[in-house]
Amino acid sequence: MGKRIDLRLVPVVVVTWSAALAGGRMDAVWSAVVAVALGLFGGVFLVVGHRQGPSGVRPRTLWATLALACVLGAAVAVHCAVIADNRENGPLAPAMSADEGVVVHLLITGSPTPAPAPAPSSDDRWMVDAGLVHLTSKGNVIRGTAGIVVSGGAAWRNVRAGQRVRTTGTLKQVREGQSEAALLSASSDPVVTGSGFDARQAAADVRKGFVSAADWLPPDASGLLPGMVTGDTSALPESLEAAMKTTGMTHLTAVSGAKVFYGVMGVFIGPRATFPLADHVLGLGMTHPC
């Protein structure tokens, strides 16, 4: 008898990914409708599976698998509905609809990354994730919780996670699928008003230090070693990067390096401080598909 293939995870993957992809492009109401529908289907599948009785082992497993897929899909849809509602009715919605300049205080939550500059301009542009502290729009001070992507000039490359900054700019809609509530096109340089410890910045400092420590090696080795140990591929030569893609070896830096770094940081700064690093570390490590 041939070996059977276990396909029980296929419905779970299909339903959850479909819910995530659809939820990133729907408004809050439709995401909530999808969540309710999937929850009802999950309940129906559980009832049907329970009525199969002890003799129907395989059918009961099938119905249980479908029920699990629907429950997980419903959870994803609820998450998408919350994000969409925060974008549509959150604290930033009035300022975005006004389409006027705002003064905003932010908590930097990510590391700056270079962004493509607009066609007519040759100035450096940088993007960084931040969280809303409060903003002033039309003389009104608005407070709340919302994620913001900041796009600004060269001065933004120097901000660090954990800093509180003040700046001015215009709030715009983010691209479909992004979880942040708005994009801030900064019209002024950031003014640091406070600073605190942030585990993500500690991780970034360790990565930069490792890249610098490997500078004495030959180009290929100095770029590959930080990628394998910390998941940082910023120094990886383009020729080696292309060769790794061709041979299917990108997992050495995309996955292995991130896992090693995640474990090492857990030893040095403790599990409690390491968990917030997951999105940051793995997000940088997964720059290439495996």
C-alpha atoms as a PDB file:
ATOM      1  CA  MET A   1       0.000   0.000   0.000  1.00  0.00           C
ATOM      2  CA  GLY A   2       1.413   3.390  -1.009  1.00  0.00           C
ATOM      3  CA  LYS A   3       2.171   6.097   1.498  1.00  0.00           C
ATOM      4  CA  ARG A   4      -0.769   8.442   2.001  1.00  0.00           C
ATOM      5  CA  ILE A   5      -0.318  12.210   1.868  1.00  0.00           C
ATOM      6  CA  ASP A   6      -1.634  14.160   4.859  1.00  0.00           C
ATOM      7  CA  LEU A   7      -3.533  17.162   3.466  1.00  0.00           C
ATOM      8  CA  ARG A   8      -5.255  18.260   6.659  1.00  0.00           C
ATOM      9  CA  LEU A   9      -3.408  21.580   6.796  1.00  0.00           C
ATOM     10  CA  VAL A  10      -4.405  22.551   3.256  1.00  0.00           C
ATOM     11  CA  PRO A  11      -7.913  23.847   4.176  1.00  0.00           C
ATOM     12  CA  VAL A  12      -6.447  25.781   7.123  1.00  0.00           C
ATOM     13  CA  VAL A  13      -3.829  27.464   4.948  1.00  0.00           C
ATOM     14  CA  VAL A  14      -6.258  28.230   2.127  1.00  0.00           C
ATOM     15  CA  VAL A  15      -8.958  29.719   4.376  1.00  0.00           C
ATOM     16  CA  THR A  16      -6.650  31.782   6.623  1.00  0.00           C
ATOM     17  CA  TRP A  17      -4.587  33.201   3.762  1.00  0.00           C
ATOM     18  CA  SER A  18      -7.730  33.964   1.764  1.00  0.00           C
ATOM     19  CA  ALA A  19      -9.237  35.767   4.752  1.00  0.00           C
ATOM     20  CA  ALA A  20      -6.036  37.771   5.212  1.00  0.00           C
ATOM     21  CA  LEU A  21      -5.768  38.738   1.543  1.00  0.00           C
ATOM     22  CA  ALA A  22      -9.444  39.683   1.295  1.00  0.00           C
ATOM     23  CA  GLY A  23      -9.449  41.483   4.641  1.00  0.00           C
ATOM     24  CA  GLY A  24      -6.558  43.685   3.583  1.00  0.00           C
ATOM     25  CA  ARG A  25      -8.708  45.043   0.733  1.00  0.00           C
ATOM     26  CA  MET A  26     -12.121  45.310   2.398  1.00  0.00           C
ATOM     27  CA  ASP A  27     -13.575  47.810   4.813  1.00  0.00           C
ATOM     28  CA  ALA A  28     -14.333  47.010   8.441  1.00  0.00           C
ATOM     29  CA  VAL A  29     -17.983  46.062   7.873  1.00  0.00           C
ATOM     30  CA  TRP A  30     -17.259  43.463   5.201  1.00  0.00           C
ATOM     31  CA  SER A  31     -14.381  42.018   7.195  1.00  0.00           C
ATOM     32  CA  ALA A  32     -16.762  41.627  10.140  1.00  0.00           C
ATOM     33  CA  VAL A  33     -19.315  39.928   7.870  1.00  0.00           C
ATOM     34  CA  VAL A  34     -16.659  37.474   6.698  1.00  0.00           C
ATOM     35  CA  ALA A  35     -15.671  36.783  10.313  1.00  0.00           C
ATOM     36  CA  VAL A  36     -19.271  36.046  11.330  1.00  0.00           C
ATOM     37  CA  ALA A  37     -19.851  33.831   8.279  1.00  0.00           C
ATOM     38  CA  LEU A  38     -16.704  31.803   8.901  1.00  0.00           C
ATOM     39  CA  GLY A  39     -17.618  31.467  12.582  1.00  0.00           C
ATOM     40  CA  LEU A  40     -21.067  30.119  11.666  1.00  0.00           C
ATOM     41  CA  PHE A  41     -19.612  27.679   9.151  1.00  0.00           C
ATOM     42  CA  GLY A  42     -17.129  26.511  11.786  1.00  0.00           C
ATOM     43  CA  GLY A  43     -19.963  25.840  14.214  1.00  0.00           C
ATOM     44  CA  VAL A  44     -21.931  23.922  11.587  1.00  0.00           C
ATOM     45  CA  PHE A  45     -18.919  21.763  10.724  1.00  0.00           C
ATOM     46  CA  LEU A  46     -18.383  20.946  14.403  1.00  0.00           C
ATOM     47  CA  VAL A  47     -22.012  19.885  14.817  1.00  0.00           C
ATOM     48  CA  VAL A  48     -21.926  17.744  11.674  1.00  0.00           C
ATOM     49  CA  GLY A  49     -18.690  16.106  12.754  1.00  0.00           C
ATOM     50  CA  HIS A  50     -20.086  15.377  16.218  1.00  0.00           C
ATOM     51  CA  ARG A  51     -23.118  13.645  14.705  1.00  0.00           C
ATOM     52  CA  GLN A  52     -20.922  11.294  12.676  1.00  0.00           C
ATOM     53  CA  GLY A  53     -20.594   9.101  15.740  1.00  0.00           C
ATOM     54  CA  PRO A  54     -17.584   7.043  16.880  1.00  0.00           C
ATOM     55  CA  SER A  55     -17.689   4.865  13.736  1.00  0.00           C
ATOM     56  CA  GLY A  56     -17.004   7.679  11.317  1.00  0.00           C
ATOM     57  CA  VAL A  57     -13.425   8.480  12.277  1.00  0.00           C
ATOM     58  CA  ARG A  58     -12.294   9.843   8.926  1.00  0.00           C
ATOM     59  CA  PRO A  59     -15.416  11.971   8.304  1.00  0.00           C
ATOM     60  CA  ARG A  60     -15.159  13.374  11.833  1.00  0.00           C
ATOM     61  CA  THR A  61     -11.534  14.304  11.206  1.00  0.00           C
ATOM     62  CA  LEU A  62     -12.518  16.024   7.958  1.00  0.00           C
ATOM     63  CA  TRP A  63     -15.270  18.068   9.599  1.00  0.00           C
ATOM     64  CA  ALA A  64     -12.995  18.977  12.511  1.00  0.00           C
ATOM     65  CA  THR A  65     -10.325  20.139  10.073  1.00  0.00           C
ATOM     66  CA  LEU A  66     -12.816  22.311   8.199  1.00  0.00           C
ATOM     67  CA  ALA A  67     -14.111  23.721  11.484  1.00  0.00           C
ATOM     68  CA  LEU A  68     -10.571  24.620  12.591  1.00  0.00           C
ATOM     69  CA  ALA A  69      -9.924  26.313   9.243  1.00  0.00           C
ATOM     70  CA  CYS A  70     -13.062  28.415   9.616  1.00  0.00           C
ATOM     71  CA  VAL A  71     -12.288  29.383  13.218  1.00  0.00           C
ATOM     72  CA  LEU A  72      -8.770  30.495  12.342  1.00  0.00           C
ATOM     73  CA  GLY A  73     -10.055  32.311   9.264  1.00  0.00           C
ATOM     74  CA  ALA A  74     -12.631  34.085  11.435  1.00  0.00           C
ATOM     75  CA  ALA A  75      -9.887  35.184  13.829  1.00  0.00           C
ATOM     76  CA  VAL A  76      -7.904  36.621  10.912  1.00  0.00           C
ATOM     77  CA  ALA A  77     -10.994  38.405   9.589  1.00  0.00           C
ATOM     78  CA  VAL A  78     -11.665  39.933  13.012  1.00  0.00           C
ATOM     79  CA  HIS A  79      -8.085  41.225  13.103  1.00  0.00           C
ATOM     80  CA  CYS A  80      -8.531  42.756   9.643  1.00  0.00           C
ATOM     81  CA  ALA A  81     -11.826  44.334  10.738  1.00  0.00           C
ATOM     82  CA  VAL A  82     -10.172  45.956  13.766  1.00  0.00           C
ATOM     83  CA  ILE A  83      -7.358  47.359  11.615  1.00  0.00           C
ATOM     84  CA  ALA A  84      -9.795  48.645   8.974  1.00  0.00           C
ATOM     85  CA  ASP A  85     -12.034  50.227  11.614  1.00  0.00           C
ATOM     86  CA  ASN A  86      -9.031  51.965  13.179  1.00  0.00           C
ATOM     87  CA  ARG A  87      -8.119  53.314   9.743  1.00  0.00           C
ATOM     88  CA  GLU A  88     -11.657  54.439   8.911  1.00  0.00           C
ATOM     89  CA  ASN A  89     -12.893  55.674  12.306  1.00  0.00           C
ATOM     90  CA  GLY A  90      -9.736  55.945  14.421  1.00  0.00           C
ATOM     91  CA  PRO A  91      -8.106  59.078  15.812  1.00  0.00           C
ATOM     92  CA  LEU A  92      -6.369  59.879  12.511  1.00  0.00           C
ATOM     93  CA  ALA A  93      -9.492  59.735  10.314  1.00  0.00           C
ATOM     94  CA  PRO A  94     -10.599  63.395  10.804  1.00  0.00           C
ATOM     95  CA  ALA A  95      -7.112  64.739  10.091  1.00  0.00           C
ATOM     96  CA  MET A  96      -6.800  62.553   6.997  1.00  0.00           C
ATOM     97  CA  SER A  97     -10.143  63.705   5.592  1.00  0.00           C
ATOM     98  CA  ALA A  98      -9.205  67.356   6.191  1.00  0.00           C
ATOM     99  CA  ASP A  99      -6.082  66.907   4.016  1.00  0.00           C
ATOM    100  CA  GLU A 100      -4.258  69.685   5.877  1.00  0.00           C
ATOM    101  CA  GLY A 101      -0.949  69.927   7.685  1.00  0.00           C
ATOM    102  CA  VAL A 102      -0.662  68.545  11.200  1.00  0.00           C
ATOM    103  CA  VAL A 103       1.787  68.768  14.081  1.00  0.00           C
ATOM    104  CA  VAL A 104       2.337  65.261  15.375  1.00  0.00           C
ATOM    105  CA  HIS A 105       4.216  63.672  18.276  1.00  0.00           C
ATOM    106  CA  LEU A 106       5.349  60.124  17.576  1.00  0.00           C
ATOM    107  CA  LEU A 107       7.018  57.180  19.276  1.00  0.00           C
ATOM    108  CA  ILE A 108       9.496  55.589  16.871  1.00  0.00           C
ATOM    109  CA  THR A 109       8.948  51.827  16.773  1.00  0.00           C
ATOM    110  CA  GLY A 110      11.142  50.692  13.869  1.00  0.00           C
ATOM    111  CA  SER A 111      14.440  51.280  12.121  1.00  0.00           C
ATOM    112  CA  PRO A 112      14.686  53.709   9.186  1.00  0.00           C
ATOM    113  CA  THR A 113      14.915  52.186   5.718  1.00  0.00           C
ATOM    114  CA  PRO A 114      15.672  53.970   2.439  1.00  0.00           C
ATOM    115  CA  ALA A 115      12.678  54.689   0.220  1.00  0.00           C
ATOM    116  CA  PRO A 116      12.429  55.582  -3.474  1.00  0.00           C
ATOM    117  CA  ALA A 117      12.534  59.343  -3.984  1.00  0.00           C
ATOM    118  CA  PRO A 118       9.846  61.037  -6.106  1.00  0.00           C
ATOM    119  CA  ALA A 119      10.825  61.312  -9.768  1.00  0.00           C
ATOM    120  CA  PRO A 120      11.495  65.077  -9.895  1.00  0.00           C
ATOM    121  CA  SER A 121      13.610  64.967  -6.713  1.00  0.00           C
ATOM    122  CA  SER A 122      17.016  63.447  -6.118  1.00  0.00           C
ATOM    123  CA  ASP A 123      16.921  63.930  -2.318  1.00  0.00           C
ATOM    124  CA  ASP A 124      17.221  60.918  -0.046  1.00  0.00           C
ATOM    125  CA  ARG A 125      13.928  59.656   1.345  1.00  0.00           C
ATOM    126  CA  TRP A 126      13.584  57.445   4.396  1.00  0.00           C
ATOM    127  CA  MET A 127      10.685  55.536   5.909  1.00  0.00           C
ATOM    128  CA  VAL A 128      10.211  54.431   9.499  1.00  0.00           C
ATOM    129  CA  ASP A 129       7.392  52.898  11.551  1.00  0.00           C
ATOM    130  CA  ALA A 130       6.011  54.912  14.453  1.00  0.00           C
ATOM    131  CA  GLY A 131       3.081  55.078  16.847  1.00  0.00           C
ATOM    132  CA  LEU A 132       0.867  58.055  17.527  1.00  0.00           C
ATOM    133  CA  VAL A 133       1.318  59.921  20.817  1.00  0.00           C
ATOM    134  CA  HIS A 134      -0.868  62.903  19.916  1.00  0.00           C
ATOM    135  CA  LEU A 135      -1.345  65.319  17.045  1.00  0.00           C
ATOM    136  CA  THR A 136      -2.691  68.818  16.520  1.00  0.00           C
ATOM    137  CA  SER A 137      -5.018  69.448  13.585  1.00  0.00           C
ATOM    138  CA  LYS A 138      -6.944  72.714  13.096  1.00  0.00           C
ATOM    139  CA  GLY A 139      -6.126  73.692  16.663  1.00  0.00           C
ATOM    140  CA  ASN A 140      -7.547  70.450  18.102  1.00  0.00           C
ATOM    141  CA  VAL A 141      -5.315  68.027  20.008  1.00  0.00           C
ATOM    142  CA  ILE A 142      -6.115  64.416  19.153  1.00  0.00           C
ATOM    143  CA  ARG A 143      -4.878  61.492  21.242  1.00  0.00           C
ATOM    144  CA  GLY A 144      -5.197  57.806  20.591  1.00  0.00           C
ATOM    145  CA  THR A 145      -3.474  54.645  19.442  1.00  0.00           C
ATOM    146  CA  ALA A 146      -2.570  54.247  15.788  1.00  0.00           C
ATOM    147  CA  GLY A 147       0.322  52.981  13.693  1.00  0.00           C
ATOM    148  CA  ILE A 148       1.923  55.442  11.268  1.00  0.00           C
ATOM    149  CA  VAL A 149       4.492  55.063   8.505  1.00  0.00           C
ATOM    150  CA  VAL A 150       6.634  58.190   8.270  1.00  0.00           C
ATOM    151  CA  SER A 151       8.200  59.230   4.971  1.00  0.00           C
ATOM    152  CA  GLY A 152      10.745  62.020   5.287  1.00  0.00           C
ATOM    153  CA  GLY A 153      14.056  63.471   4.237  1.00  0.00           C
ATOM    154  CA  ALA A 154      17.621  62.521   5.090  1.00  0.00           C
ATOM    155  CA  ALA A 155      17.301  63.583   8.753  1.00  0.00           C
ATOM    156  CA  TRP A 156      14.932  60.678   9.380  1.00  0.00           C
ATOM    157  CA  ARG A 157      17.707  58.156   8.837  1.00  0.00           C
ATOM    158  CA  ASN A 158      19.070  59.025  12.288  1.00  0.00           C
ATOM    159  CA  VAL A 159      15.968  58.332  14.396  1.00  0.00           C
ATOM    160  CA  ARG A 160      16.036  55.325  16.702  1.00  0.00           C
ATOM    161  CA  ALA A 161      13.371  53.032  18.084  1.00  0.00           C
ATOM    162  CA  GLY A 162      12.246  54.265  21.509  1.00  0.00           C
ATOM    163  CA  GLN A 163      12.627  57.967  20.688  1.00  0.00           C
ATOM    164  CA  ARG A 164       9.741  60.402  20.948  1.00  0.00           C
ATOM    165  CA  VAL A 165       9.828  62.976  18.174  1.00  0.00           C
ATOM    166  CA  ARG A 166       7.822  65.995  17.020  1.00  0.00           C
ATOM    167  CA  THR A 167       7.344  66.831  13.361  1.00  0.00           C
ATOM    168  CA  THR A 168       4.908  68.313  10.860  1.00  0.00           C
ATOM    169  CA  GLY A 169       3.416  66.932   7.690  1.00  0.00           C
ATOM    170  CA  THR A 170       0.336  65.649   5.894  1.00  0.00           C
ATOM    171  CA  LEU A 171      -1.478  62.394   6.568  1.00  0.00           C
ATOM    172  CA  LYS A 172      -2.247  60.176   3.579  1.00  0.00           C
ATOM    173  CA  GLN A 173      -3.812  56.792   2.904  1.00  0.00           C
ATOM    174  CA  VAL A 174      -1.538  53.755   3.114  1.00  0.00           C
ATOM    175  CA  ARG A 175      -1.374  51.131   0.388  1.00  0.00           C
ATOM    176  CA  GLU A 176      -3.851  48.251   0.416  1.00  0.00           C
ATOM    177  CA  GLY A 177      -2.772  45.467   2.731  1.00  0.00           C
ATOM    178  CA  GLN A 178      -0.731  47.657   5.081  1.00  0.00           C
ATOM    179  CA  SER A 179      -1.688  47.414   8.748  1.00  0.00           C
ATOM    180  CA  GLU A 180      -0.791  51.004   9.642  1.00  0.00           C
ATOM    181  CA  ALA A 181      -3.552  53.592   9.915  1.00  0.00           C
ATOM    182  CA  ALA A 182      -1.864  56.303   7.829  1.00  0.00           C
ATOM    183  CA  LEU A 183       1.215  57.495   5.987  1.00  0.00           C
ATOM    184  CA  LEU A 184       2.761  60.728   7.250  1.00  0.00           C
ATOM    185  CA  SER A 185       4.568  62.707   4.569  1.00  0.00           C
ATOM    186  CA  ALA A 186       6.864  64.690   6.849  1.00  0.00           C
ATOM    187  CA  SER A 187       7.499  68.296   5.865  1.00  0.00           C
ATOM    188  CA  SER A 188      10.085  68.958   8.588  1.00  0.00           C
ATOM    189  CA  ASP A 189      12.962  67.170  10.271  1.00  0.00           C
ATOM    190  CA  PRO A 190      12.243  65.215  13.463  1.00  0.00           C
ATOM    191  CA  VAL A 191      12.807  66.989  16.767  1.00  0.00           C
ATOM    192  CA  VAL A 192      13.630  64.511  19.537  1.00  0.00           C
ATOM    193  CA  THR A 193      11.626  65.257  22.697  1.00  0.00           C
ATOM    194  CA  GLY A 194      12.454  62.122  24.673  1.00  0.00           C
ATOM    195  CA  SER A 195      14.076  58.727  24.500  1.00  0.00           C
ATOM    196  CA  GLY A 196      13.778  55.354  26.174  1.00  0.00           C
ATOM    197  CA  PHE A 197      15.082  51.800  25.898  1.00  0.00           C
ATOM    198  CA  ASP A 198      13.639  49.754  23.061  1.00  0.00           C
ATOM    199  CA  ALA A 199      14.588  46.127  22.497  1.00  0.00           C
ATOM    200  CA  ARG A 200      14.295  46.549  18.733  1.00  0.00           C
ATOM    201  CA  GLN A 201      16.946  49.258  18.745  1.00  0.00           C
ATOM    202  CA  ALA A 202      19.210  47.042  20.841  1.00  0.00           C
ATOM    203  CA  ALA A 203      18.793  44.374  18.179  1.00  0.00           C
ATOM    204  CA  ALA A 204      19.624  46.856  15.417  1.00  0.00           C
ATOM    205  CA  ASP A 205      22.762  48.003  17.263  1.00  0.00           C
ATOM    206  CA  VAL A 206      23.955  44.416  17.636  1.00  0.00           C
ATOM    207  CA  ARG A 207      23.421  43.758  13.933  1.00  0.00           C
ATOM    208  CA  LYS A 208      25.303  46.914  12.904  1.00  0.00           C
ATOM    209  CA  GLY A 209      28.145  46.027  15.249  1.00  0.00           C
ATOM    210  CA  PHE A 210      28.401  42.542  13.777  1.00  0.00           C
ATOM    211  CA  VAL A 211      28.493  43.933  10.225  1.00  0.00           C
ATOM    212  CA  SER A 212      31.312  46.301  11.225  1.00  0.00           C
ATOM    213  CA  ALA A 213      33.220  43.501  12.962  1.00  0.00           C
ATOM    214  CA  ALA A 214      33.141  41.414   9.770  1.00  0.00           C
ATOM    215  CA  ASP A 215      34.519  44.206   7.544  1.00  0.00           C
ATOM    216  CA  TRP A 216      38.049  42.744   7.526  1.00  0.00           C
ATOM    217  CA  LEU A 217      36.893  39.591   5.730  1.00  0.00           C
ATOM    218  CA  PRO A 218      36.751  39.255   1.909  1.00  0.00           C
ATOM    219  CA  PRO A 219      33.596  40.858   0.384  1.00  0.00           C
ATOM    220  CA  ASP A 220      31.577  37.642   0.003  1.00  0.00           C
ATOM    221  CA  ALA A 221      32.408  36.410   3.496  1.00  0.00           C
ATOM    222  CA  SER A 222      31.870  39.814   5.160  1.00  0.00           C
ATOM    223  CA  GLY A 223      28.403  40.006   3.644  1.00  0.00           C
ATOM    224  CA  LEU A 224      27.402  36.376   4.155  1.00  0.00           C
ATOM    225  CA  LEU A 225      28.531  35.983   7.767  1.00  0.00           C
ATOM    226  CA  PRO A 226      26.238  38.687   9.252  1.00  0.00           C
ATOM    227  CA  GLY A 227      23.371  37.289   7.195  1.00  0.00           C
ATOM    228  CA  MET A 228      23.855  33.775   8.566  1.00  0.00           C
ATOM    229  CA  VAL A 229      24.300  34.944  12.178  1.00  0.00           C
ATOM    230  CA  THR A 230      21.917  37.912  12.509  1.00  0.00           C
ATOM    231  CA  GLY A 231      19.802  37.867   9.340  1.00  0.00           C
ATOM    232  CA  ASP A 232      21.278  41.213   8.200  1.00  0.00           C
ATOM    233  CA  THR A 233      21.914  41.073   4.442  1.00  0.00           C
ATOM    234  CA  SER A 234      22.720  44.774   3.965  1.00  0.00           C
ATOM    235  CA  ALA A 235      26.407  44.023   3.227  1.00  0.00           C
ATOM    236  CA  LEU A 236      25.732  41.032   0.964  1.00  0.00           C
ATOM    237  CA  PRO A 237      27.268  41.627  -2.514  1.00  0.00           C
ATOM    238  CA  GLU A 238      24.722  41.660  -5.343  1.00  0.00           C
ATOM    239  CA  SER A 239      26.568  38.925  -7.223  1.00  0.00           C
ATOM    240  CA  LEU A 240      26.464  36.573  -4.240  1.00  0.00           C
ATOM    241  CA  GLU A 241      22.836  37.464  -3.545  1.00  0.00           C
ATOM    242  CA  ALA A 242      21.927  36.588  -7.145  1.00  0.00           C
ATOM    243  CA  ALA A 243      23.856  33.307  -6.942  1.00  0.00           C
ATOM    244  CA  MET A 244      22.053  32.355  -3.719  1.00  0.00           C
ATOM    245  CA  LYS A 245      18.680  33.000  -5.341  1.00  0.00           C
ATOM    246  CA  THR A 246      19.651  30.901  -8.363  1.00  0.00           C
ATOM    247  CA  THR A 247      20.760  27.955  -6.222  1.00  0.00           C
ATOM    248  CA  GLY A 248      17.899  28.247  -3.723  1.00  0.00           C
ATOM    249  CA  MET A 249      20.174  29.025  -0.770  1.00  0.00           C
ATOM    250  CA  THR A 250      18.513  32.250   0.439  1.00  0.00           C
ATOM    251  CA  HIS A 251      17.189  30.398   3.502  1.00  0.00           C
ATOM    252  CA  LEU A 252      20.689  30.568   4.992  1.00  0.00           C
ATOM    253  CA  THR A 253      20.232  34.284   5.607  1.00  0.00           C
ATOM    254  CA  ALA A 254      16.447  34.655   5.452  1.00  0.00           C
ATOM    255  CA  VAL A 255      15.552  32.037   8.070  1.00  0.00           C
ATOM    256  CA  SER A 256      18.639  30.531   9.693  1.00  0.00           C
ATOM    257  CA  GLY A 257      20.259  33.876  10.497  1.00  0.00           C
ATOM    258  CA  ALA A 258      17.103  35.276  12.033  1.00  0.00           C
ATOM    259  CA  LYS A 259      16.595  32.193  14.216  1.00  0.00           C
ATOM    260  CA  VAL A 260      20.179  32.249  15.472  1.00  0.00           C
ATOM    261  CA  PHE A 261      19.944  35.927  16.308  1.00  0.00           C
ATOM    262  CA  TYR A 262      16.571  35.505  18.009  1.00  0.00           C
ATOM    263  CA  GLY A 263      17.991  32.802  20.275  1.00  0.00           C
ATOM    264  CA  VAL A 264      21.183  34.709  21.094  1.00  0.00           C
ATOM    265  CA  MET A 265      19.291  37.880  21.994  1.00  0.00           C
ATOM    266  CA  GLY A 266      17.034  35.794  24.223  1.00  0.00           C
ATOM    267  CA  VAL A 267      20.089  34.753  26.239  1.00  0.00           C
ATOM    268  CA  PHE A 268      21.557  38.238  26.561  1.00  0.00           C
ATOM    269  CA  ILE A 269      18.536  40.455  27.168  1.00  0.00           C
ATOM    270  CA  GLY A 270      16.016  37.922  28.458  1.00  0.00           C
ATOM    271  CA  PRO A 271      12.872  36.313  27.052  1.00  0.00           C
ATOM    272  CA  ARG A 272      10.604  39.134  28.209  1.00  0.00           C
ATOM    273  CA  ALA A 273      12.490  41.695  26.168  1.00  0.00           C
ATOM    274  CA  THR A 274      13.110  39.400  23.231  1.00  0.00           C
ATOM    275  CA  PHE A 275       9.524  38.710  22.192  1.00  0.00           C
ATOM    276  CA  PRO A 276       8.989  42.250  20.792  1.00  0.00           C
ATOM    277  CA  LEU A 277      11.986  41.588  18.527  1.00  0.00           C
ATOM    278  CA  ALA A 278      10.159  38.942  16.515  1.00  0.00           C
ATOM    279  CA  ASP A 279       8.537  41.227  13.960  1.00  0.00           C
ATOM    280  CA  HIS A 280      11.654  43.359  13.600  1.00  0.00           C
ATOM    281  CA  VAL A 281      14.213  40.578  13.351  1.00  0.00           C
ATOM    282  CA  LEU A 282      12.185  38.221  11.203  1.00  0.00           C
ATOM    283  CA  GLY A 283      10.937  41.098   9.080  1.00  0.00           C
ATOM    284  CA  LEU A 284      14.504  42.017   8.173  1.00  0.00           C
ATOM    285  CA  GLY A 285      15.536  38.416   7.733  1.00  0.00           C
ATOM    286  CA  MET A 286      12.717  37.557   5.342  1.00  0.00           C
ATOM    287  CA  THR A 287      13.862  39.890   2.602  1.00  0.00           C
ATOM    288  CA  HIS A 288      13.980  37.019   0.071  1.00  0.00           C
ATOM    289  CA  PRO A 289      11.498  34.200  -0.433  1.00  0.00           C
ATOM    290  CA  CYS A 290      12.759  30.804   0.622  1.00  0.00           C
END
